[in-house]
Amino acid sequence: MEAIHRATARLVADFQSQPSRFWNERDMHWYLFHNLKQDPIFMCDYGTELIRAEFPTRAKYPDRGHYDLVILDPASLTSPPVSELLPWASWEEYLPLVEVVVAVEVKTWVDRTTDIPQKVDWDIEKLTDTQNAVKHAYFLNFVQLDFRRQQMRDFYQNLKEYLMEKARWHSPKLKILCVPHDKEIQHDSREHWIH
């Protein structure tokens, strides 16, 4: 948990100091992945990679779900039969045996015409669905808009309010972050964490 908070804090700091560095969500994923890999807790040799990108969900959805990034429990990965799984084998039957300690979904907001509920609800469902048995879920939102325009400020406020409403209805295991690229929009960095 401490590692994910440290990696996220570094991502937030870099995002706000150099927002044009990140062109899309994939850039954010890889930067977060890189920050996690540099954390001392992941320097140990667990015999496998605990941090995984595009890891499948246990629950089935119309479009099979994947998390942007996960941190897996080393004990569940190193015990048979999971430890004997070959890279090209299907994960389908092994997913119930692998414990997802942390699951992360990242969203970038660059267009105020985006349908907020459509973009938010699917990720929150994946993160909070009890079938997926995620221990700690993180929904990270990064907002890159022209905040000189009132429309963009209004969109940001609507997004925050929607995320706060969602936070009220979901498990305390779900942590939601909403960060504007412009520090002037939200001065206190502690307020980036909605829940």
Protein backbone atom coordinates (compact mmCIF):
# COMPACT_ATOMS: atom_id res chain seq x y z
CA MET A 1 0.00 0.00 0.00
CA GLU A 2 2.82 2.38 0.84
CA ALA A 3 4.51 1.62 -2.48
CA ILE A 4 1.43 2.46 -4.52
CA HIS A 5 0.99 5.73 -2.61
CA ARG A 6 4.64 6.69 -3.18
CA ALA A 7 4.46 5.84 -6.90
CA THR A 8 1.19 7.74 -7.29
CA ALA A 9 2.58 10.79 -5.47
CA ARG A 10 5.54 10.88 -7.88
CA LEU A 11 3.19 10.57 -10.86
CA VAL A 12 1.00 13.41 -9.56
CA ALA A 13 4.03 15.66 -8.98
CA ASP A 14 5.38 15.02 -12.48
CA PHE A 15 1.95 15.40 -14.07
CA GLN A 16 1.46 18.81 -12.47
CA SER A 17 4.98 20.02 -13.17
CA GLN A 18 5.07 18.76 -16.80
CA PRO A 19 1.53 17.95 -18.00
CA SER A 20 2.49 17.94 -21.68
CA ARG A 21 4.84 15.04 -20.97
CA PHE A 22 1.84 12.69 -20.80
CA TRP A 23 -0.07 12.34 -24.05
CA ASN A 24 -2.42 9.52 -23.09
CA GLU A 25 -3.35 6.96 -20.45
CA ARG A 26 -0.70 4.51 -21.64
CA ASP A 27 2.01 7.06 -20.80
CA MET A 28 0.57 7.26 -17.29
CA HIS A 29 0.46 3.47 -16.95
CA TRP A 30 4.09 3.07 -17.86
CA TYR A 31 5.23 5.90 -15.66
CA LEU A 32 3.33 4.42 -12.70
CA PHE A 33 4.75 0.98 -13.51
CA HIS A 34 8.27 2.44 -13.65
CA ASN A 35 7.82 4.21 -10.30
CA LEU A 36 6.62 1.00 -8.70
CA LYS A 37 9.52 -1.02 -10.13
CA GLN A 38 11.95 1.47 -8.53
CA ASP A 39 10.40 1.05 -5.09
CA PRO A 40 12.60 -0.96 -2.68
CA ILE A 41 9.74 -3.32 -1.84
CA PHE A 42 9.81 -4.67 -5.40
CA MET A 43 13.58 -5.00 -5.60
CA CYS A 44 13.38 -8.43 -3.95
CA ASP A 45 13.40 -11.47 -6.20
CA TYR A 46 9.98 -13.08 -5.88
CA GLY A 47 10.67 -15.50 -8.72
CA THR A 48 8.04 -13.78 -10.85
CA GLU A 49 6.79 -10.30 -11.64
CA LEU A 50 4.29 -9.05 -9.05
CA ILE A 51 3.38 -5.91 -11.00
CA ARG A 52 1.34 -6.76 -14.09
CA ALA A 53 -0.26 -4.65 -16.78
CA GLU A 54 -3.58 -5.52 -18.42
CA PHE A 55 -4.29 -8.29 -15.94
CA PRO A 56 -7.64 -10.06 -16.49
CA THR A 57 -10.55 -9.74 -14.09
CA ARG A 58 -12.16 -12.81 -12.55
CA ALA A 59 -15.69 -11.72 -13.41
CA LYS A 60 -16.73 -11.96 -17.03
CA TYR A 61 -18.15 -8.90 -18.72
CA PRO A 62 -19.44 -8.43 -22.28
CA ASP A 63 -15.93 -7.26 -23.21
CA ARG A 64 -13.69 -9.36 -20.99
CA GLY A 65 -12.28 -6.96 -18.39
CA HIS A 66 -8.67 -6.18 -17.62
CA TYR A 67 -7.14 -3.89 -15.02
CA ASP A 68 -4.66 -1.29 -16.19
CA LEU A 69 -2.20 -2.44 -13.57
CA VAL A 70 -2.17 -4.83 -10.62
CA ILE A 71 0.10 -5.87 -7.79
CA LEU A 72 -0.29 -9.56 -7.09
CA ASP A 73 0.25 -11.41 -3.84
CA PRO A 74 3.61 -13.26 -4.02
CA ALA A 75 2.37 -16.25 -2.00
CA SER A 76 -0.50 -16.91 -4.41
CA LEU A 77 1.86 -16.68 -7.42
CA THR A 78 4.61 -18.90 -6.06
CA SER A 79 2.42 -21.77 -4.90
CA PRO A 80 1.42 -24.68 -7.16
CA PRO A 81 -0.33 -24.91 -9.54
CA VAL A 82 0.03 -21.20 -10.38
CA SER A 83 3.82 -21.30 -10.12
CA GLU A 84 3.87 -24.04 -12.78
CA LEU A 85 1.79 -22.01 -15.25
CA LEU A 86 3.60 -21.47 -18.52
CA PRO A 87 3.55 -17.96 -20.05
CA TRP A 88 1.49 -19.06 -23.05
CA ALA A 89 -1.10 -21.01 -21.02
CA SER A 90 -4.58 -19.62 -20.39
CA TRP A 91 -5.11 -17.85 -17.07
CA GLU A 92 -8.80 -18.73 -17.04
CA GLU A 93 -8.71 -21.62 -14.53
CA TYR A 94 -5.92 -20.04 -12.45
CA LEU A 95 -7.47 -16.62 -11.86
CA PRO A 96 -9.41 -17.72 -8.74
CA LEU A 97 -6.08 -18.85 -7.21
CA VAL A 98 -4.26 -15.54 -7.73
CA GLU A 99 -4.83 -12.82 -5.16
CA VAL A 100 -4.95 -9.25 -6.45
CA VAL A 101 -3.62 -7.08 -3.63
CA VAL A 102 -3.92 -3.81 -5.59
CA ALA A 103 -5.81 -3.07 -8.80
CA VAL A 104 -5.43 0.28 -10.58
CA GLU A 105 -7.45 1.96 -13.29
CA VAL A 106 -6.16 5.21 -14.82
CA LYS A 107 -8.23 7.77 -16.70
CA THR A 108 -7.09 10.89 -18.49
CA TRP A 109 -9.59 13.63 -19.18
CA VAL A 110 -8.68 15.82 -22.16
CA ASP A 111 -12.10 16.51 -23.66
CA ARG A 112 -14.92 18.15 -21.75
CA THR A 113 -17.50 16.54 -24.05
CA THR A 114 -16.66 13.11 -22.66
CA ASP A 115 -19.59 11.31 -21.08
CA ILE A 116 -18.51 11.19 -17.42
CA PRO A 117 -20.75 8.32 -16.25
CA GLN A 118 -19.88 6.13 -19.22
CA LYS A 119 -16.15 6.62 -18.69
CA VAL A 120 -16.24 6.25 -14.88
CA ASP A 121 -18.82 3.54 -14.15
CA TRP A 122 -17.18 0.70 -16.07
CA ASP A 123 -13.85 1.09 -14.26
CA ILE A 124 -15.45 1.40 -10.84
CA GLU A 125 -17.50 -1.72 -11.52
CA LYS A 126 -14.36 -3.72 -12.35
CA LEU A 127 -12.58 -2.44 -9.26
CA THR A 128 -15.44 -3.05 -6.81
CA ASP A 129 -17.19 -6.16 -8.18
CA THR A 130 -16.98 -8.68 -5.31
CA GLN A 131 -16.39 -11.53 -7.79
CA ASN A 132 -13.02 -9.97 -8.61
CA ALA A 133 -11.93 -10.07 -4.96
CA VAL A 134 -9.61 -7.06 -5.20
CA LYS A 135 -8.20 -6.17 -1.78
CA HIS A 136 -7.35 -2.52 -2.55
CA ALA A 137 -8.64 -0.62 -5.57
CA TYR A 138 -7.36 2.66 -6.99
CA PHE A 139 -9.13 4.80 -9.57
CA LEU A 140 -6.70 7.51 -10.70
CA ASN A 141 -8.08 10.44 -12.74
CA PHE A 142 -5.82 13.00 -14.40
CA VAL A 143 -7.45 16.10 -15.91
CA GLN A 144 -5.75 18.04 -18.74
CA LEU A 145 -8.07 20.82 -19.82
CA ASP A 146 -7.77 24.49 -20.70
CA PHE A 147 -8.75 25.79 -17.27
CA ARG A 148 -8.63 29.40 -18.48
CA ARG A 149 -12.12 28.68 -19.83
CA GLN A 150 -15.01 28.51 -17.38
CA GLN A 151 -16.53 25.55 -19.28
CA MET A 152 -13.47 23.50 -18.46
CA ARG A 153 -13.55 24.49 -14.80
CA ASP A 154 -17.23 23.50 -14.71
CA PHE A 155 -16.45 20.14 -16.31
CA TYR A 156 -13.74 19.49 -13.72
CA GLN A 157 -16.15 20.37 -10.89
CA ASN A 158 -18.84 18.08 -12.36
CA LEU A 159 -16.31 15.25 -12.63
CA LYS A 160 -15.24 15.68 -9.00
CA GLU A 161 -18.86 15.75 -7.83
CA TYR A 162 -19.67 12.60 -9.79
CA LEU A 163 -16.63 10.82 -8.36
CA MET A 164 -17.59 11.91 -4.83
CA GLU A 165 -21.08 10.54 -5.34
CA LYS A 166 -19.65 7.23 -6.55
CA ALA A 167 -17.28 7.12 -3.58
CA ARG A 168 -20.20 7.38 -1.16
CA TRP A 169 -21.75 4.22 -2.58
CA HIS A 170 -18.68 2.02 -2.79
CA SER A 171 -16.42 0.09 -0.52
CA PRO A 172 -13.78 1.87 1.56
CA LYS A 173 -11.31 -0.35 -0.32
CA LEU A 174 -11.82 1.94 -3.33
CA LYS A 175 -9.52 4.98 -3.37
CA ILE A 176 -10.30 7.70 -5.91
CA LEU A 177 -7.88 10.38 -7.04
CA CYS A 178 -8.76 13.37 -9.22
CA VAL A 179 -5.88 15.68 -10.20
CA PRO A 180 -5.99 18.77 -12.43
CA HIS A 181 -2.78 19.50 -14.30
CA ASP A 182 -2.94 23.10 -13.11
CA LYS A 183 -2.07 23.40 -9.39
CA GLU A 184 -4.01 26.66 -9.21
CA ILE A 185 -7.29 24.81 -9.72
CA GLN A 186 -6.83 22.85 -6.52
CA HIS A 187 -4.19 24.24 -4.17
CA ASP A 188 -4.22 21.56 -1.46
CA SER A 189 -2.81 18.30 -2.84
CA ARG A 190 -4.52 16.34 -0.04
CA GLU A 191 -7.82 17.19 -1.71
CA HIS A 192 -6.83 15.21 -4.80
CA TRP A 193 -7.88 12.08 -2.90
CA ILE A 194 -11.67 12.01 -2.98
CA HIS A 195 -12.13 8.81 -1.04
